[in-house]
Amino acid sequence: MRNNQAFVAFTLEQLDGLGGVSARAMFGGHGLYRNGRMFALVADDVLYLKANDANRPLLEAQGGQPFKPFADKKMVMPYIEVPVDLLEDADRLVELAHTALAAAMAAPPPPKRRRAK
């Protein structure tokens, strides 16, 4: 799940209209965050947006597939692929990213990590 840094930078540039988006490396990929909430991820140079019951039909209608972190397992995560043509349309991408951010905000916050003593 390695990412090309240029692709991550391009993705952040395309999401500039959302404002305040940052990327953090994780497990060979990158999580995309706004206001402390992960709303998207980049894996193998593919952008995936957070999905829930409210925005999943919209994201799937764009032609996106669910994120499968392991090709040999049935497990899927609640993120939907953004097709390349949408990635190149910054205005449309930002519209879709707003729905992903709403999905991230509707989800329960991640548990806080306990510091070792």
C-alpha atoms as a PDB file:
ATOM      1  CA  MET A   1       0.000   0.000   0.000  1.00  0.00           C
ATOM      2  CA  ARG A   2       2.731   2.473  -0.846  1.00  0.00           C
ATOM      3  CA  ASN A   3       1.832   5.925  -2.108  1.00  0.00           C
ATOM      4  CA  ASN A   4       3.691   8.214  -4.441  1.00  0.00           C
ATOM      5  CA  GLN A   5       4.253  11.485  -2.539  1.00  0.00           C
ATOM      6  CA  ALA A   6       3.441  13.434  -5.705  1.00  0.00           C
ATOM      7  CA  PHE A   7       0.014  11.764  -5.847  1.00  0.00           C
ATOM      8  CA  VAL A   8      -0.685  12.629  -2.206  1.00  0.00           C
ATOM      9  CA  ALA A   9       0.360  16.245  -2.861  1.00  0.00           C
ATOM     10  CA  PHE A  10      -1.873  16.381  -5.964  1.00  0.00           C
ATOM     11  CA  THR A  11      -4.802  15.003  -3.973  1.00  0.00           C
ATOM     12  CA  LEU A  12      -4.317  17.624  -1.258  1.00  0.00           C
ATOM     13  CA  GLU A  13      -4.158  20.325  -3.934  1.00  0.00           C
ATOM     14  CA  GLN A  14      -7.414  19.086  -5.477  1.00  0.00           C
ATOM     15  CA  LEU A  15      -9.056  19.188  -2.032  1.00  0.00           C
ATOM     16  CA  ASP A  16      -7.813  22.716  -1.309  1.00  0.00           C
ATOM     17  CA  GLY A  17     -11.368  24.068  -1.697  1.00  0.00           C
ATOM     18  CA  LEU A  18     -12.402  22.070   1.372  1.00  0.00           C
ATOM     19  CA  GLY A  19      -9.841  23.956   3.450  1.00  0.00           C
ATOM     20  CA  GLY A  20      -7.589  22.690   6.213  1.00  0.00           C
ATOM     21  CA  VAL A  21      -6.949  19.193   4.859  1.00  0.00           C
ATOM     22  CA  SER A  22      -3.799  17.404   5.999  1.00  0.00           C
ATOM     23  CA  ALA A  23      -2.309  13.985   5.300  1.00  0.00           C
ATOM     24  CA  ARG A  24      -0.739  11.591   7.778  1.00  0.00           C
ATOM     25  CA  ALA A  25       1.180   8.481   6.800  1.00  0.00           C
ATOM     26  CA  MET A  26      -0.345   5.261   8.081  1.00  0.00           C
ATOM     27  CA  PHE A  27       0.342   1.624   7.205  1.00  0.00           C
ATOM     28  CA  GLY A  28       2.012   2.551   3.915  1.00  0.00           C
ATOM     29  CA  GLY A  29      -0.939   4.732   2.925  1.00  0.00           C
ATOM     30  CA  HIS A  30      -2.160   8.128   4.083  1.00  0.00           C
ATOM     31  CA  GLY A  31      -5.158   9.259   6.081  1.00  0.00           C
ATOM     32  CA  LEU A  32      -6.661  12.607   5.059  1.00  0.00           C
ATOM     33  CA  TYR A  33      -7.934  14.728   7.924  1.00  0.00           C
ATOM     34  CA  ARG A  34      -9.861  17.915   8.487  1.00  0.00           C
ATOM     35  CA  ASN A  35     -10.449  19.252  11.990  1.00  0.00           C
ATOM     36  CA  GLY A  36      -9.001  16.072  13.468  1.00  0.00           C
ATOM     37  CA  ARG A  37     -11.385  13.729  11.644  1.00  0.00           C
ATOM     38  CA  MET A  38     -10.236  11.262   9.020  1.00  0.00           C
ATOM     39  CA  PHE A  39     -12.615  11.569   6.066  1.00  0.00           C
ATOM     40  CA  ALA A  40     -10.551   9.963   3.312  1.00  0.00           C
ATOM     41  CA  LEU A  41      -7.581   7.741   2.693  1.00  0.00           C
ATOM     42  CA  VAL A  42      -5.044   7.209  -0.047  1.00  0.00           C
ATOM     43  CA  ALA A  43      -3.851   3.665  -0.680  1.00  0.00           C
ATOM     44  CA  ASP A  44      -1.805   2.529  -3.679  1.00  0.00           C
ATOM     45  CA  ASP A  45      -2.291   5.961  -5.239  1.00  0.00           C
ATOM     46  CA  VAL A  46      -6.084   5.717  -5.123  1.00  0.00           C
ATOM     47  CA  LEU A  47      -8.268   8.162  -3.168  1.00  0.00           C
ATOM     48  CA  TYR A  48     -11.118   6.728  -1.090  1.00  0.00           C
ATOM     49  CA  LEU A  49     -13.783   8.826   0.641  1.00  0.00           C
ATOM     50  CA  LYS A  50     -15.524   7.904   3.907  1.00  0.00           C
ATOM     51  CA  ALA A  51     -18.961   6.407   3.287  1.00  0.00           C
ATOM     52  CA  ASN A  52     -22.049   5.827   5.386  1.00  0.00           C
ATOM     53  CA  ASP A  53     -25.704   5.132   4.598  1.00  0.00           C
ATOM     54  CA  ALA A  54     -26.268   8.799   3.673  1.00  0.00           C
ATOM     55  CA  ASN A  55     -23.559   9.220   1.024  1.00  0.00           C
ATOM     56  CA  ARG A  56     -22.709   5.637  -0.041  1.00  0.00           C
ATOM     57  CA  PRO A  57     -25.284   5.577  -2.893  1.00  0.00           C
ATOM     58  CA  LEU A  58     -23.913   8.867  -4.238  1.00  0.00           C
ATOM     59  CA  LEU A  59     -20.300   7.659  -4.108  1.00  0.00           C
ATOM     60  CA  GLU A  60     -21.128   4.285  -5.633  1.00  0.00           C
ATOM     61  CA  ALA A  61     -23.113   6.016  -8.416  1.00  0.00           C
ATOM     62  CA  GLN A  62     -19.866   7.762  -9.405  1.00  0.00           C
ATOM     63  CA  GLY A  63     -18.392   4.342 -10.188  1.00  0.00           C
ATOM     64  CA  GLY A  64     -16.381   3.862  -7.006  1.00  0.00           C
ATOM     65  CA  GLN A  65     -15.680   0.510  -5.375  1.00  0.00           C
ATOM     66  CA  PRO A  66     -15.323  -0.164  -1.635  1.00  0.00           C
ATOM     67  CA  PHE A  67     -11.852  -0.164  -0.124  1.00  0.00           C
ATOM     68  CA  LYS A  68     -10.532  -3.695   0.440  1.00  0.00           C
ATOM     69  CA  PRO A  69      -7.329  -3.491   2.485  1.00  0.00           C
ATOM     70  CA  PHE A  70      -6.486  -7.139   1.776  1.00  0.00           C
ATOM     71  CA  ALA A  71      -7.017  -8.522  -1.732  1.00  0.00           C
ATOM     72  CA  ASP A  72      -7.264 -12.090  -0.467  1.00  0.00           C
ATOM     73  CA  LYS A  73      -9.977 -11.347   2.148  1.00  0.00           C
ATOM     74  CA  LYS A  74     -13.621 -10.316   1.901  1.00  0.00           C
ATOM     75  CA  MET A  75     -13.213  -7.520   4.432  1.00  0.00           C
ATOM     76  CA  VAL A  76     -14.171  -4.045   3.221  1.00  0.00           C
ATOM     77  CA  MET A  77     -13.852  -0.728   5.009  1.00  0.00           C
ATOM     78  CA  PRO A  78     -16.347   2.179   4.895  1.00  0.00           C
ATOM     79  CA  TYR A  79     -14.467   4.072   2.176  1.00  0.00           C
ATOM     80  CA  ILE A  80     -15.380   4.281  -1.523  1.00  0.00           C
ATOM     81  CA  GLU A  81     -12.903   4.794  -4.372  1.00  0.00           C
ATOM     82  CA  VAL A  82     -12.896   8.079  -6.257  1.00  0.00           C
ATOM     83  CA  PRO A  83     -12.567   7.443 -10.012  1.00  0.00           C
ATOM     84  CA  VAL A  84      -9.724   9.273 -11.759  1.00  0.00           C
ATOM     85  CA  ASP A  85     -12.023  11.548 -13.787  1.00  0.00           C
ATOM     86  CA  LEU A  86     -13.554  12.864 -10.538  1.00  0.00           C
ATOM     87  CA  LEU A  87     -10.158  13.251  -8.918  1.00  0.00           C
ATOM     88  CA  GLU A  88      -9.212  15.580 -11.751  1.00  0.00           C
ATOM     89  CA  ASP A  89     -12.387  17.708 -11.287  1.00  0.00           C
ATOM     90  CA  ALA A  90     -11.520  19.666  -8.133  1.00  0.00           C
ATOM     91  CA  ASP A  91     -14.941  21.323  -7.787  1.00  0.00           C
ATOM     92  CA  ARG A  92     -16.848  18.037  -7.977  1.00  0.00           C
ATOM     93  CA  LEU A  93     -14.288  16.318  -5.746  1.00  0.00           C
ATOM     94  CA  VAL A  94     -14.757  18.958  -3.042  1.00  0.00           C
ATOM     95  CA  GLU A  95     -18.550  18.457  -3.237  1.00  0.00           C
ATOM     96  CA  LEU A  96     -18.089  14.721  -2.670  1.00  0.00           C
ATOM     97  CA  ALA A  97     -15.499  15.335   0.038  1.00  0.00           C
ATOM     98  CA  HIS A  98     -18.072  17.395   1.966  1.00  0.00           C
ATOM     99  CA  THR A  99     -20.317  14.309   2.091  1.00  0.00           C
ATOM    100  CA  ALA A 100     -17.363  12.213   3.303  1.00  0.00           C
ATOM    101  CA  LEU A 101     -16.563  14.756   5.987  1.00  0.00           C
ATOM    102  CA  ALA A 102     -20.199  14.662   7.105  1.00  0.00           C
ATOM    103  CA  ALA A 103     -19.967  10.853   7.276  1.00  0.00           C
ATOM    104  CA  ALA A 104     -16.812  11.123   9.375  1.00  0.00           C
ATOM    105  CA  MET A 105     -18.435  13.636  11.715  1.00  0.00           C
ATOM    106  CA  ALA A 106     -21.526  11.404  12.119  1.00  0.00           C
ATOM    107  CA  ALA A 107     -19.403   8.440  13.178  1.00  0.00           C
ATOM    108  CA  PRO A 108     -18.514   8.044  16.832  1.00  0.00           C
ATOM    109  CA  PRO A 109     -15.155   9.615  17.655  1.00  0.00           C
ATOM    110  CA  PRO A 110     -12.235   7.211  17.772  1.00  0.00           C
ATOM    111  CA  PRO A 111     -11.324   6.017  21.263  1.00  0.00           C
ATOM    112  CA  LYS A 112      -8.664   8.080  22.973  1.00  0.00           C
ATOM    113  CA  ARG A 113      -5.352   6.349  23.391  1.00  0.00           C
ATOM    114  CA  ARG A 114      -4.210   5.781  26.909  1.00  0.00           C
ATOM    115  CA  ARG A 115      -0.682   6.855  27.659  1.00  0.00           C
ATOM    116  CA  ALA A 116       1.604   4.291  29.158  1.00  0.00           C
ATOM    117  CA  LYS A 117       2.832   5.168  32.611  1.00  0.00           C
END
